[in-house]
Amino acid sequence: MDKKKRSYLRIIGCGCTFVFLFLIVWIGIVWLNRPAYIEPDTSTFETGDVFFSVGDSWESVAVRTLSGSLSLEVADSTPSHCGIVVRYAEGVKLAHASTVKKKIVLETPEEYLRNNGSYCIYTRKAPCTVDTLAIRQSVETLVKNRVPFDFNFDHSTSKALYCTEMVVRVFEQNNCFCFSKLRHNSYMYPNDLLKLCKDDNEDVSKVVSGTPRRGSTT
């Protein structure tokens, strides 16, 4: 290997090391500046709503950064996870692809916050008319079948689903293709889904307002 090529490879190596260290420092700063958790007001949550959450784990910060967030504030509302709301007579449950349980689960908001290390939860209406009963049945079938979390992030198959993929899949099963354009992307981030949701009657500051609480994260 000649001297010129070695110098070129050394420059590339130093550049990659710098980018890696920058990302580590960025994630560390965000994690250290995370705010207290917020208990959501679920009184307006309805079956078929898409919920989003902002996590304060390093994985959540990485997802938010990759999906376009340049803010050091966890509270800037750029989501790191998403799922579907199901309202029962006894209260609201959140269906999502859990990295903790490694499968599709239904959890109460309290269980969700406790198990997933999220800072806040808010909802948006899907940009299409939904059959709430059909949406609930689709979600319950995924939970019953113990569909695993898609750690390969391959949305070409439905044998395993990650969070955004699960939402897109459930709506497609019910003839709602409002999110299907995301399948053209290599990865479907929660923030991509949020951009397609329209809810002019609410803003994030209203939805996430509640009683702050402190707790440990996963």
N, C-alpha and C. Protein backbone atom coordinates (compact mmCIF):
# COMPACT_ATOMS: atom_id res chain seq x y z
N MET A 1 0.85 -1.20 0.00
CA MET A 1 0.00 0.00 0.00
C MET A 1 0.88 1.25 0.00
N ASP A 2 0.68 2.17 -0.96
CA ASP A 2 1.54 3.34 -1.04
C ASP A 2 1.19 4.37 0.03
N LYS A 3 2.07 5.33 0.19
CA LYS A 3 1.93 6.33 1.24
C LYS A 3 0.67 7.17 1.08
N LYS A 4 0.31 7.51 -0.17
CA LYS A 4 -0.87 8.34 -0.42
C LYS A 4 -2.15 7.63 0.01
N LYS A 5 -2.22 6.32 -0.27
CA LYS A 5 -3.41 5.55 0.09
C LYS A 5 -3.52 5.40 1.60
N ARG A 6 -2.36 5.20 2.27
CA ARG A 6 -2.38 5.09 3.74
C ARG A 6 -2.87 6.39 4.38
N SER A 7 -2.45 7.50 3.84
CA SER A 7 -2.87 8.80 4.38
C SER A 7 -4.37 8.99 4.19
N TYR A 8 -4.86 8.56 3.03
CA TYR A 8 -6.29 8.67 2.75
C TYR A 8 -7.11 7.84 3.72
N LEU A 9 -6.67 6.60 3.96
CA LEU A 9 -7.39 5.72 4.89
C LEU A 9 -7.32 6.25 6.31
N ARG A 10 -6.20 6.88 6.68
CA ARG A 10 -6.06 7.45 8.02
C ARG A 10 -7.05 8.60 8.21
N ILE A 11 -7.21 9.42 7.17
CA ILE A 11 -8.16 10.54 7.25
C ILE A 11 -9.59 10.01 7.39
N ILE A 12 -9.94 8.98 6.62
CA ILE A 12 -11.27 8.38 6.70
C ILE A 12 -11.52 7.81 8.09
N GLY A 13 -10.51 7.12 8.63
CA GLY A 13 -10.64 6.53 9.97
C GLY A 13 -10.83 7.58 11.04
N CYS A 14 -10.08 8.67 10.96
CA CYS A 14 -10.21 9.76 11.94
C CYS A 14 -11.58 10.42 11.83
N GLY A 15 -12.06 10.58 10.59
CA GLY A 15 -13.37 11.18 10.40
C GLY A 15 -14.48 10.34 11.01
N CYS A 16 -14.42 9.03 10.78
CA CYS A 16 -15.42 8.12 11.33
C CYS A 16 -15.38 8.12 12.86
N THR A 17 -14.17 8.16 13.40
CA THR A 17 -14.03 8.19 14.86
C THR A 17 -14.63 9.47 15.44
N PHE A 18 -14.41 10.59 14.77
CA PHE A 18 -14.95 11.87 15.23
C PHE A 18 -16.47 11.85 15.21
N VAL A 19 -17.06 11.34 14.12
CA VAL A 19 -18.53 11.28 14.01
C VAL A 19 -19.09 10.40 15.12
N PHE A 20 -18.46 9.25 15.36
CA PHE A 20 -18.92 8.33 16.40
C PHE A 20 -18.86 8.98 17.77
N LEU A 21 -17.74 9.66 18.08
CA LEU A 21 -17.61 10.31 19.38
C LEU A 21 -18.61 11.46 19.52
N PHE A 22 -18.86 12.18 18.43
CA PHE A 22 -19.83 13.27 18.45
C PHE A 22 -21.21 12.74 18.80
N LEU A 23 -21.61 11.61 18.18
CA LEU A 23 -22.92 11.02 18.45
C LEU A 23 -23.03 10.56 19.90
N ILE A 24 -21.97 9.99 20.43
CA ILE A 24 -21.97 9.53 21.82
C ILE A 24 -22.16 10.72 22.77
N VAL A 25 -21.42 11.81 22.51
CA VAL A 25 -21.52 13.00 23.35
C VAL A 25 -22.92 13.61 23.23
N TRP A 26 -23.46 13.66 22.00
CA TRP A 26 -24.80 14.22 21.75
C TRP A 26 -25.85 13.45 22.54
N ILE A 27 -25.82 12.13 22.43
CA ILE A 27 -26.79 11.30 23.14
C ILE A 27 -26.64 11.46 24.65
N GLY A 28 -25.40 11.56 25.14
CA GLY A 28 -25.16 11.73 26.57
C GLY A 28 -25.73 13.03 27.09
N ILE A 29 -25.56 14.12 26.34
CA ILE A 29 -26.07 15.43 26.75
C ILE A 29 -27.60 15.40 26.82
N VAL A 30 -28.23 14.81 25.80
CA VAL A 30 -29.69 14.73 25.79
C VAL A 30 -30.19 13.91 26.97
N TRP A 31 -29.54 12.80 27.24
CA TRP A 31 -29.97 11.92 28.34
C TRP A 31 -29.84 12.63 29.68
N LEU A 32 -28.76 13.37 29.88
CA LEU A 32 -28.55 14.07 31.15
C LEU A 32 -29.53 15.22 31.34
N ASN A 33 -30.06 15.76 30.23
CA ASN A 33 -30.98 16.89 30.32
C ASN A 33 -32.45 16.48 30.19
N ARG A 34 -32.72 15.18 30.36
CA ARG A 34 -34.10 14.72 30.22
C ARG A 34 -34.96 15.28 31.35
N PRO A 35 -36.21 15.63 31.07
CA PRO A 35 -37.11 16.20 32.08
C PRO A 35 -37.84 15.11 32.86
N ALA A 36 -38.66 15.53 33.82
CA ALA A 36 -39.49 14.59 34.56
C ALA A 36 -40.54 14.00 33.64
N TYR A 37 -40.97 12.79 33.94
CA TYR A 37 -42.01 12.14 33.14
C TYR A 37 -43.34 12.87 33.31
N ILE A 38 -44.20 12.71 32.32
CA ILE A 38 -45.52 13.32 32.35
C ILE A 38 -46.58 12.24 32.17
N GLU A 39 -47.49 12.17 33.13
CA GLU A 39 -48.63 11.26 33.01
C GLU A 39 -49.63 11.85 32.02
N PRO A 40 -50.04 11.10 31.00
CA PRO A 40 -50.93 11.67 29.98
C PRO A 40 -52.37 11.76 30.45
N ASP A 41 -53.09 12.73 29.93
CA ASP A 41 -54.53 12.81 30.10
C ASP A 41 -55.15 12.03 28.95
N THR A 42 -55.70 10.85 29.24
CA THR A 42 -56.19 9.96 28.18
C THR A 42 -57.68 10.14 27.91
N SER A 43 -58.29 11.16 28.47
CA SER A 43 -59.74 11.34 28.32
C SER A 43 -60.16 11.53 26.86
N THR A 44 -59.26 12.05 26.02
CA THR A 44 -59.60 12.27 24.62
C THR A 44 -59.07 11.16 23.71
N PHE A 45 -58.36 10.19 24.27
CA PHE A 45 -57.80 9.10 23.46
C PHE A 45 -58.93 8.18 23.00
N GLU A 46 -58.95 7.84 21.72
CA GLU A 46 -59.98 6.97 21.17
C GLU A 46 -59.37 5.83 20.38
N THR A 47 -60.11 4.73 20.26
CA THR A 47 -59.65 3.59 19.47
C THR A 47 -59.34 4.03 18.04
N GLY A 48 -58.19 3.64 17.55
CA GLY A 48 -57.78 4.01 16.20
C GLY A 48 -56.90 5.23 16.15
N ASP A 49 -56.79 5.96 17.27
CA ASP A 49 -55.82 7.05 17.33
C ASP A 49 -54.41 6.46 17.27
N VAL A 50 -53.51 7.18 16.66
CA VAL A 50 -52.11 6.77 16.66
C VAL A 50 -51.42 7.51 17.81
N PHE A 51 -50.78 6.75 18.71
CA PHE A 51 -50.08 7.41 19.80
C PHE A 51 -48.58 7.46 19.52
N PHE A 52 -47.98 8.49 20.03
CA PHE A 52 -46.54 8.68 19.90
C PHE A 52 -45.96 8.92 21.29
N SER A 53 -44.73 8.49 21.48
CA SER A 53 -44.08 8.75 22.76
C SER A 53 -42.66 9.23 22.53
N VAL A 54 -42.17 9.98 23.50
CA VAL A 54 -40.81 10.50 23.46
C VAL A 54 -40.03 9.80 24.56
N GLY A 55 -39.06 9.01 24.18
CA GLY A 55 -38.27 8.26 25.16
C GLY A 55 -37.01 8.99 25.55
N ASP A 56 -36.45 8.63 26.71
CA ASP A 56 -35.20 9.26 27.14
C ASP A 56 -34.08 8.25 27.33
N SER A 57 -34.24 7.04 26.78
CA SER A 57 -33.13 6.09 26.76
C SER A 57 -32.20 6.45 25.60
N TRP A 58 -31.01 5.89 25.58
CA TRP A 58 -30.08 6.24 24.49
C TRP A 58 -30.61 5.72 23.16
N GLU A 59 -31.34 4.57 23.17
CA GLU A 59 -31.92 4.07 21.93
C GLU A 59 -32.95 5.05 21.37
N SER A 60 -33.77 5.60 22.28
CA SER A 60 -34.80 6.56 21.87
C SER A 60 -34.17 7.81 21.28
N VAL A 61 -33.12 8.30 21.93
CA VAL A 61 -32.44 9.50 21.43
C VAL A 61 -31.85 9.23 20.04
N ALA A 62 -31.31 8.02 19.85
CA ALA A 62 -30.74 7.66 18.55
C ALA A 62 -31.81 7.65 17.46
N VAL A 63 -32.98 7.07 17.78
CA VAL A 63 -34.08 7.02 16.81
C VAL A 63 -34.53 8.43 16.45
N ARG A 64 -34.66 9.29 17.46
CA ARG A 64 -35.10 10.66 17.21
C ARG A 64 -34.09 11.41 16.36
N THR A 65 -32.80 11.19 16.61
CA THR A 65 -31.76 11.86 15.84
C THR A 65 -31.77 11.38 14.39
N LEU A 66 -31.89 10.07 14.19
CA LEU A 66 -31.92 9.51 12.84
C LEU A 66 -33.15 9.95 12.06
N SER A 67 -34.25 10.25 12.78
CA SER A 67 -35.48 10.65 12.10
C SER A 67 -35.58 12.16 11.90
N GLY A 68 -34.51 12.89 12.25
CA GLY A 68 -34.48 14.30 11.89
C GLY A 68 -34.47 15.31 13.02
N SER A 69 -34.52 14.86 14.29
CA SER A 69 -34.51 15.80 15.40
C SER A 69 -33.10 16.32 15.65
N LEU A 70 -32.96 17.65 15.66
CA LEU A 70 -31.67 18.27 15.96
C LEU A 70 -31.69 18.95 17.32
N SER A 71 -32.78 18.74 18.06
CA SER A 71 -32.93 19.40 19.35
C SER A 71 -32.31 18.58 20.47
N LEU A 72 -31.70 19.28 21.44
CA LEU A 72 -31.18 18.61 22.62
C LEU A 72 -32.28 18.39 23.66
N GLU A 73 -33.47 18.94 23.40
CA GLU A 73 -34.56 18.82 24.34
C GLU A 73 -35.40 17.58 24.05
N VAL A 74 -35.55 16.71 25.05
CA VAL A 74 -36.41 15.54 24.90
C VAL A 74 -37.84 16.00 24.66
N ALA A 75 -38.20 17.15 25.20
CA ALA A 75 -39.58 17.64 25.15
C ALA A 75 -39.94 18.32 23.83
N ASP A 76 -39.13 18.18 22.78
CA ASP A 76 -39.47 18.85 21.53
C ASP A 76 -40.53 18.09 20.74
N SER A 77 -41.01 16.96 21.27
CA SER A 77 -42.13 16.16 20.75
C SER A 77 -41.78 15.26 19.57
N THR A 78 -40.55 15.28 19.07
CA THR A 78 -40.18 14.32 18.02
C THR A 78 -40.23 12.92 18.61
N PRO A 79 -41.09 12.04 18.07
CA PRO A 79 -41.30 10.75 18.72
C PRO A 79 -40.19 9.74 18.47
N SER A 80 -40.03 8.82 19.43
CA SER A 80 -39.09 7.72 19.28
C SER A 80 -39.82 6.39 19.19
N HIS A 81 -41.14 6.40 19.42
CA HIS A 81 -41.92 5.16 19.39
C HIS A 81 -43.37 5.52 19.08
N CYS A 82 -44.13 4.53 18.62
CA CYS A 82 -45.53 4.78 18.29
C CYS A 82 -46.34 3.50 18.37
N GLY A 83 -47.65 3.63 18.32
CA GLY A 83 -48.55 2.49 18.38
C GLY A 83 -49.98 2.94 18.17
N ILE A 84 -50.92 2.12 18.57
CA ILE A 84 -52.34 2.40 18.34
C ILE A 84 -53.11 2.35 19.65
N VAL A 85 -54.00 3.31 19.82
CA VAL A 85 -54.84 3.38 21.01
C VAL A 85 -56.04 2.44 20.86
N VAL A 86 -56.36 1.71 21.93
CA VAL A 86 -57.59 0.92 21.99
C VAL A 86 -58.30 1.30 23.29
N ARG A 87 -59.53 1.79 23.17
CA ARG A 87 -60.29 2.17 24.37
C ARG A 87 -61.28 1.08 24.73
N TYR A 88 -61.19 0.61 25.98
CA TYR A 88 -62.12 -0.37 26.52
C TYR A 88 -63.00 0.31 27.56
N ALA A 89 -64.01 -0.41 28.03
CA ALA A 89 -64.91 0.15 29.04
C ALA A 89 -64.15 0.54 30.30
N GLU A 90 -63.11 -0.24 30.63
CA GLU A 90 -62.35 0.02 31.85
C GLU A 90 -61.24 1.05 31.65
N GLY A 91 -61.01 1.48 30.42
CA GLY A 91 -59.99 2.49 30.19
C GLY A 91 -59.19 2.24 28.92
N VAL A 92 -58.19 3.07 28.72
CA VAL A 92 -57.38 3.05 27.51
C VAL A 92 -56.23 2.06 27.63
N LYS A 93 -55.95 1.39 26.52
CA LYS A 93 -54.73 0.57 26.42
C LYS A 93 -53.97 0.96 25.15
N LEU A 94 -52.67 0.76 25.21
CA LEU A 94 -51.80 1.14 24.11
C LEU A 94 -51.20 -0.11 23.49
N ALA A 95 -51.46 -0.31 22.19
CA ALA A 95 -50.91 -1.45 21.47
C ALA A 95 -49.64 -1.01 20.76
N HIS A 96 -48.58 -1.77 20.96
CA HIS A 96 -47.32 -1.40 20.31
C HIS A 96 -46.39 -2.60 20.24
N ALA A 97 -45.38 -2.49 19.40
CA ALA A 97 -44.35 -3.51 19.29
C ALA A 97 -43.29 -3.21 20.33
N SER A 98 -43.22 -4.02 21.36
CA SER A 98 -42.37 -3.75 22.51
C SER A 98 -40.99 -4.39 22.36
N THR A 99 -39.95 -3.57 22.48
CA THR A 99 -38.60 -4.12 22.48
C THR A 99 -38.30 -4.80 23.81
N VAL A 100 -39.03 -4.42 24.84
CA VAL A 100 -38.84 -5.03 26.17
C VAL A 100 -39.43 -6.43 26.20
N LYS A 101 -40.69 -6.55 25.76
CA LYS A 101 -41.37 -7.86 25.74
C LYS A 101 -41.06 -8.65 24.48
N LYS A 102 -40.45 -7.97 23.50
CA LYS A 102 -40.06 -8.60 22.23
C LYS A 102 -41.25 -9.12 21.42
N LYS A 103 -42.40 -8.45 21.56
CA LYS A 103 -43.60 -8.86 20.83
C LYS A 103 -44.62 -7.72 20.88
N ILE A 104 -45.74 -7.90 20.16
CA ILE A 104 -46.83 -6.93 20.19
C ILE A 104 -47.58 -7.09 21.51
N VAL A 105 -47.80 -5.97 22.20
CA VAL A 105 -48.47 -6.03 23.50
C VAL A 105 -49.53 -4.94 23.61
N LEU A 106 -50.44 -5.12 24.57
CA LEU A 106 -51.41 -4.11 24.97
C LEU A 106 -51.10 -3.72 26.40
N GLU A 107 -50.84 -2.44 26.65
CA GLU A 107 -50.50 -1.98 27.99
C GLU A 107 -51.32 -0.76 28.36
N THR A 108 -51.58 -0.60 29.63
CA THR A 108 -52.18 0.65 30.10
C THR A 108 -51.11 1.74 29.98
N PRO A 109 -51.51 3.02 29.95
CA PRO A 109 -50.51 4.09 29.90
C PRO A 109 -49.51 4.00 31.05
N GLU A 110 -49.98 3.61 32.24
CA GLU A 110 -49.09 3.50 33.39
C GLU A 110 -48.05 2.40 33.16
N GLU A 111 -48.52 1.26 32.65
CA GLU A 111 -47.60 0.16 32.34
C GLU A 111 -46.62 0.56 31.25
N TYR A 112 -47.13 1.29 30.27
CA TYR A 112 -46.28 1.72 29.16
C TYR A 112 -45.14 2.61 29.65
N LEU A 113 -45.47 3.60 30.46
CA LEU A 113 -44.46 4.50 30.99
C LEU A 113 -43.45 3.75 31.86
N ARG A 114 -43.96 2.84 32.67
CA ARG A 114 -43.09 2.09 33.57
C ARG A 114 -42.15 1.14 32.82
N ASN A 115 -42.67 0.50 31.77
CA ASN A 115 -41.90 -0.53 31.08
C ASN A 115 -40.99 -0.02 29.98
N ASN A 116 -41.32 1.17 29.43
CA ASN A 116 -40.62 1.60 28.22
C ASN A 116 -39.78 2.85 28.37
N GLY A 117 -39.73 3.42 29.57
CA GLY A 117 -38.87 4.57 29.78
C GLY A 117 -39.20 5.76 28.91
N SER A 118 -40.48 6.05 28.76
CA SER A 118 -40.89 7.16 27.90
C SER A 118 -41.16 8.42 28.73
N TYR A 119 -40.87 9.56 28.13
CA TYR A 119 -41.08 10.83 28.81
C TYR A 119 -42.54 11.25 28.74
N CYS A 120 -43.16 11.11 27.58
CA CYS A 120 -44.54 11.53 27.44
C CYS A 120 -45.24 10.74 26.34
N ILE A 121 -46.56 10.81 26.33
CA ILE A 121 -47.38 10.13 25.33
C ILE A 121 -48.40 11.14 24.79
N TYR A 122 -48.56 11.19 23.48
CA TYR A 122 -49.60 12.03 22.90
C TYR A 122 -50.18 11.31 21.67
N THR A 123 -51.34 11.75 21.22
CA THR A 123 -52.01 11.08 20.12
C THR A 123 -52.30 12.01 18.95
N ARG A 124 -52.52 11.39 17.80
CA ARG A 124 -52.97 12.09 16.61
C ARG A 124 -54.03 11.23 15.93
N LYS A 125 -54.99 11.87 15.29
CA LYS A 125 -55.98 11.15 14.51
C LYS A 125 -55.34 10.69 13.20
N ALA A 126 -55.69 9.49 12.77
CA ALA A 126 -55.21 9.01 11.48
C ALA A 126 -55.86 9.82 10.36
N PRO A 127 -55.15 10.04 9.26
CA PRO A 127 -55.70 10.85 8.16
C PRO A 127 -56.65 10.05 7.27
N CYS A 128 -57.48 9.23 7.88
CA CYS A 128 -58.47 8.45 7.14
C CYS A 128 -59.56 8.02 8.12
N THR A 129 -60.71 7.66 7.60
CA THR A 129 -61.80 7.18 8.45
C THR A 129 -61.51 5.74 8.86
N VAL A 130 -61.67 5.45 10.15
CA VAL A 130 -61.34 4.12 10.64
C VAL A 130 -62.57 3.43 11.23
N ASP A 131 -62.60 2.12 11.08
CA ASP A 131 -63.61 1.28 11.72
C ASP A 131 -63.01 0.86 13.06
N THR A 132 -63.45 1.47 14.14
CA THR A 132 -62.81 1.25 15.43
C THR A 132 -62.88 -0.20 15.89
N LEU A 133 -64.00 -0.87 15.63
CA LEU A 133 -64.13 -2.26 16.02
C LEU A 133 -63.14 -3.14 15.26
N ALA A 134 -63.02 -2.89 13.95
CA ALA A 134 -62.10 -3.67 13.13
C ALA A 134 -60.65 -3.42 13.55
N ILE A 135 -60.33 -2.16 13.86
CA ILE A 135 -58.97 -1.84 14.31
C ILE A 135 -58.67 -2.59 15.60
N ARG A 136 -59.61 -2.59 16.54
CA ARG A 136 -59.40 -3.30 17.81
C ARG A 136 -59.20 -4.79 17.58
N GLN A 137 -60.00 -5.38 16.70
CA GLN A 137 -59.89 -6.80 16.43
C GLN A 137 -58.54 -7.14 15.79
N SER A 138 -58.07 -6.28 14.90
CA SER A 138 -56.77 -6.51 14.27
C SER A 138 -55.64 -6.47 15.30
N VAL A 139 -55.71 -5.49 16.19
CA VAL A 139 -54.71 -5.36 17.24
C VAL A 139 -54.74 -6.57 18.17
N GLU A 140 -55.93 -6.97 18.58
CA GLU A 140 -56.05 -8.10 19.50
C GLU A 140 -55.56 -9.40 18.87
N THR A 141 -55.73 -9.54 17.56
CA THR A 141 -55.22 -10.73 16.86
C THR A 141 -53.70 -10.76 16.88
N LEU A 142 -53.07 -9.61 16.67
CA LEU A 142 -51.61 -9.54 16.72
C LEU A 142 -51.10 -9.92 18.11
N VAL A 143 -51.79 -9.42 19.14
CA VAL A 143 -51.39 -9.73 20.53
C VAL A 143 -51.60 -11.22 20.81
N LYS A 144 -52.74 -11.75 20.40
CA LYS A 144 -53.06 -13.16 20.63
C LYS A 144 -52.05 -14.07 19.93
N ASN A 145 -51.62 -13.69 18.73
CA ASN A 145 -50.67 -14.50 17.96
C ASN A 145 -49.22 -14.27 18.39
N ARG A 146 -49.03 -13.40 19.36
CA ARG A 146 -47.69 -13.14 19.90
C ARG A 146 -46.70 -12.79 18.78
N VAL A 147 -47.13 -11.92 17.89
CA VAL A 147 -46.26 -11.50 16.78
C VAL A 147 -45.01 -10.84 17.34
N PRO A 148 -43.84 -11.30 16.97
CA PRO A 148 -42.60 -10.79 17.58
C PRO A 148 -42.19 -9.41 17.05
N PHE A 149 -41.35 -8.75 17.82
CA PHE A 149 -40.77 -7.48 17.39
C PHE A 149 -39.80 -7.75 16.25
N ASP A 150 -39.84 -6.91 15.26
CA ASP A 150 -38.99 -7.07 14.07
C ASP A 150 -37.65 -6.38 14.29
N PHE A 151 -36.70 -7.11 14.87
CA PHE A 151 -35.39 -6.53 15.13
C PHE A 151 -34.56 -6.38 13.85
N ASN A 152 -35.03 -6.96 12.75
CA ASN A 152 -34.35 -6.78 11.46
C ASN A 152 -34.87 -5.55 10.72
N PHE A 153 -35.94 -4.97 11.23
CA PHE A 153 -36.54 -3.77 10.63
C PHE A 153 -36.78 -3.97 9.13
N ASP A 154 -37.34 -5.12 8.83
CA ASP A 154 -37.65 -5.50 7.45
C ASP A 154 -39.16 -5.43 7.25
N HIS A 155 -39.64 -4.36 6.62
CA HIS A 155 -41.08 -4.23 6.47
C HIS A 155 -41.62 -4.84 5.18
N SER A 156 -40.84 -5.77 4.60
CA SER A 156 -41.33 -6.50 3.43
C SER A 156 -42.10 -7.76 3.83
N THR A 157 -42.08 -8.10 5.12
CA THR A 157 -42.81 -9.25 5.62
C THR A 157 -43.54 -8.87 6.90
N SER A 158 -44.67 -9.53 7.16
CA SER A 158 -45.45 -9.24 8.37
C SER A 158 -45.27 -10.30 9.45
N LYS A 159 -44.28 -11.18 9.30
CA LYS A 159 -44.05 -12.22 10.29
C LYS A 159 -43.57 -11.63 11.61
N ALA A 160 -42.91 -10.50 11.52
CA ALA A 160 -42.47 -9.75 12.69
C ALA A 160 -42.65 -8.28 12.37
N LEU A 161 -42.96 -7.47 13.39
CA LEU A 161 -43.29 -6.06 13.15
C LEU A 161 -42.57 -5.16 14.14
N TYR A 162 -42.02 -4.06 13.65
CA TYR A 162 -41.53 -3.03 14.57
C TYR A 162 -42.61 -1.96 14.69
N CYS A 163 -42.39 -0.95 15.54
CA CYS A 163 -43.50 -0.08 15.97
C CYS A 163 -44.24 0.58 14.82
N THR A 164 -43.54 1.29 13.95
CA THR A 164 -44.19 1.98 12.84
C THR A 164 -44.80 0.98 11.86
N GLU A 165 -44.08 -0.11 11.65
CA GLU A 165 -44.56 -1.16 10.75
C GLU A 165 -45.88 -1.75 11.24
N MET A 166 -46.01 -1.90 12.55
CA MET A 166 -47.25 -2.43 13.11
C MET A 166 -48.43 -1.51 12.82
N VAL A 167 -48.24 -0.22 13.00
CA VAL A 167 -49.32 0.75 12.74
C VAL A 167 -49.73 0.70 11.28
N VAL A 168 -48.75 0.74 10.38
CA VAL A 168 -49.03 0.72 8.94
C VAL A 168 -49.78 -0.57 8.58
N ARG A 169 -49.33 -1.69 9.14
CA ARG A 169 -49.94 -2.99 8.86
C ARG A 169 -51.40 -3.05 9.31
N VAL A 170 -51.69 -2.59 10.51
CA VAL A 170 -53.06 -2.65 11.04
C VAL A 170 -54.00 -1.81 10.18
N PHE A 171 -53.56 -0.64 9.78
CA PHE A 171 -54.42 0.22 8.96
C PHE A 171 -54.63 -0.39 7.57
N GLU A 172 -53.58 -0.98 7.01
CA GLU A 172 -53.72 -1.61 5.70
C GLU A 172 -54.69 -2.80 5.75
N GLN A 173 -54.65 -3.54 6.86
CA GLN A 173 -55.57 -4.67 7.02
C GLN A 173 -57.03 -4.21 7.00
N ASN A 174 -57.25 -2.94 7.33
CA ASN A 174 -58.60 -2.40 7.39
C ASN A 174 -58.87 -1.40 6.26
N ASN A 175 -58.18 -1.64 5.15
CA ASN A 175 -58.39 -0.86 3.93
C ASN A 175 -58.13 0.63 4.10
N CYS A 176 -57.22 0.97 5.00
CA CYS A 176 -56.78 2.36 5.17
C CYS A 176 -55.32 2.42 4.74
N PHE A 177 -55.07 3.01 3.60
CA PHE A 177 -53.72 2.99 3.03
C PHE A 177 -53.04 4.36 3.14
N CYS A 178 -53.47 5.14 4.13
CA CYS A 178 -52.96 6.49 4.30
C CYS A 178 -51.48 6.52 4.67
N PHE A 179 -50.96 5.42 5.23
CA PHE A 179 -49.56 5.38 5.64
C PHE A 179 -48.70 4.52 4.71
N SER A 180 -49.31 3.91 3.71
CA SER A 180 -48.61 2.91 2.89
C SER A 180 -47.44 3.49 2.10
N LYS A 181 -47.48 4.79 1.80
CA LYS A 181 -46.38 5.41 1.06
C LYS A 181 -45.04 5.29 1.80
N LEU A 182 -45.10 5.09 3.13
CA LEU A 182 -43.87 4.96 3.90
C LEU A 182 -43.11 3.69 3.56
N ARG A 183 -43.80 2.73 2.98
CA ARG A 183 -43.15 1.46 2.62
C ARG A 183 -42.09 1.65 1.54
N HIS A 184 -42.10 2.78 0.87
CA HIS A 184 -41.06 3.07 -0.12
C HIS A 184 -39.74 3.43 0.55
N ASN A 185 -39.78 3.76 1.84
CA ASN A 185 -38.57 4.11 2.57
C ASN A 185 -37.85 2.86 3.05
N SER A 186 -36.55 2.96 3.22
CA SER A 186 -35.78 1.84 3.77
C SER A 186 -36.19 1.56 5.20
N TYR A 187 -36.43 2.64 5.96
CA TYR A 187 -36.89 2.52 7.34
C TYR A 187 -38.07 3.46 7.53
N MET A 188 -39.04 3.03 8.32
CA MET A 188 -40.21 3.86 8.60
C MET A 188 -40.10 4.34 10.05
N TYR A 189 -39.74 5.60 10.22
CA TYR A 189 -39.56 6.16 11.56
C TYR A 189 -40.89 6.67 12.11
N PRO A 190 -41.06 6.68 13.44
CA PRO A 190 -42.28 7.24 14.03
C PRO A 190 -42.55 8.67 13.57
N ASN A 191 -41.49 9.44 13.38
CA ASN A 191 -41.67 10.83 12.96
C ASN A 191 -42.24 10.92 11.54
N ASP A 192 -41.93 9.93 10.70
CA ASP A 192 -42.52 9.89 9.36
C ASP A 192 -44.04 9.71 9.46
N LEU A 193 -44.44 8.85 10.39
CA LEU A 193 -45.86 8.60 10.61
C LEU A 193 -46.55 9.86 11.14
N LEU A 194 -45.89 10.54 12.07
CA LEU A 194 -46.45 11.75 12.67
C LEU A 194 -46.72 12.81 11.61
N LYS A 195 -45.83 12.93 10.65
CA LYS A 195 -45.99 13.94 9.61
C LYS A 195 -47.22 13.70 8.74
N LEU A 196 -47.67 12.44 8.68
CA LEU A 196 -48.84 12.11 7.87
C LEU A 196 -50.14 12.22 8.65
N CYS A 197 -50.00 12.33 9.97
CA CYS A 197 -51.20 12.44 10.81
C CYS A 197 -51.59 13.91 10.94
N LYS A 198 -52.87 14.17 10.88
CA LYS A 198 -53.35 15.54 11.00
C LYS A 198 -54.39 15.60 12.10
N ASP A 199 -54.17 16.50 13.04
CA ASP A 199 -55.13 16.71 14.12
C ASP A 199 -55.11 18.18 14.46
N ASP A 200 -55.90 18.96 13.75
CA ASP A 200 -55.88 20.42 13.91
C ASP A 200 -56.52 20.90 15.21
N ASN A 201 -57.18 19.98 15.93
CA ASN A 201 -57.89 20.39 17.14
C ASN A 201 -57.06 20.31 18.41
N GLU A 202 -55.89 19.71 18.30
CA GLU A 202 -55.05 19.55 19.48
C GLU A 202 -53.62 19.94 19.14
N ASP A 203 -52.88 20.36 20.13
CA ASP A 203 -51.45 20.49 19.95
C ASP A 203 -50.76 19.67 21.04
N VAL A 204 -49.49 19.41 20.83
CA VAL A 204 -48.77 18.51 21.72
C VAL A 204 -48.76 19.02 23.15
N SER A 205 -48.60 20.32 23.34
CA SER A 205 -48.51 20.87 24.69
C SER A 205 -49.77 20.60 25.49
N LYS A 206 -50.94 20.55 24.82
CA LYS A 206 -52.18 20.26 25.52
C LYS A 206 -52.30 18.78 25.84
N VAL A 207 -51.94 17.94 24.87
CA VAL A 207 -52.15 16.51 25.02
C VAL A 207 -51.26 15.92 26.10
N VAL A 208 -50.01 16.39 26.19
CA VAL A 208 -49.08 15.77 27.13
C VAL A 208 -49.13 16.40 28.51
N SER A 209 -49.92 17.45 28.69
CA SER A 209 -49.95 18.09 30.00
C SER A 209 -50.54 17.16 31.05
N GLY A 210 -50.00 17.18 32.23
CA GLY A 210 -50.46 16.29 33.28
C GLY A 210 -49.62 16.43 34.53
N THR A 211 -49.68 15.47 35.40
CA THR A 211 -48.92 15.52 36.64
C THR A 211 -47.53 14.92 36.45
N PRO A 212 -46.46 15.69 36.62
CA PRO A 212 -45.12 15.16 36.45
C PRO A 212 -44.82 14.09 37.50
N ARG A 213 -44.03 13.13 37.12
CA ARG A 213 -43.56 12.15 38.08
C ARG A 213 -42.14 11.75 37.72
N ARG A 214 -41.42 11.27 38.68
CA ARG A 214 -40.06 10.83 38.43
C ARG A 214 -40.01 9.31 38.47
N GLY A 215 -39.05 8.74 37.77
CA GLY A 215 -38.91 7.30 37.79
C GLY A 215 -37.69 6.88 37.01
N SER A 216 -37.35 5.62 37.07
CA SER A 216 -36.19 5.12 36.35
C SER A 216 -36.60 4.74 34.94
N THR A 217 -35.64 4.66 34.06
CA THR A 217 -35.89 4.31 32.67
C THR A 217 -35.28 2.97 32.35
N THR A 218 -35.75 2.40 31.24
CA THR A 218 -35.18 1.16 30.79
C THR A 218 -34.19 1.41 29.69
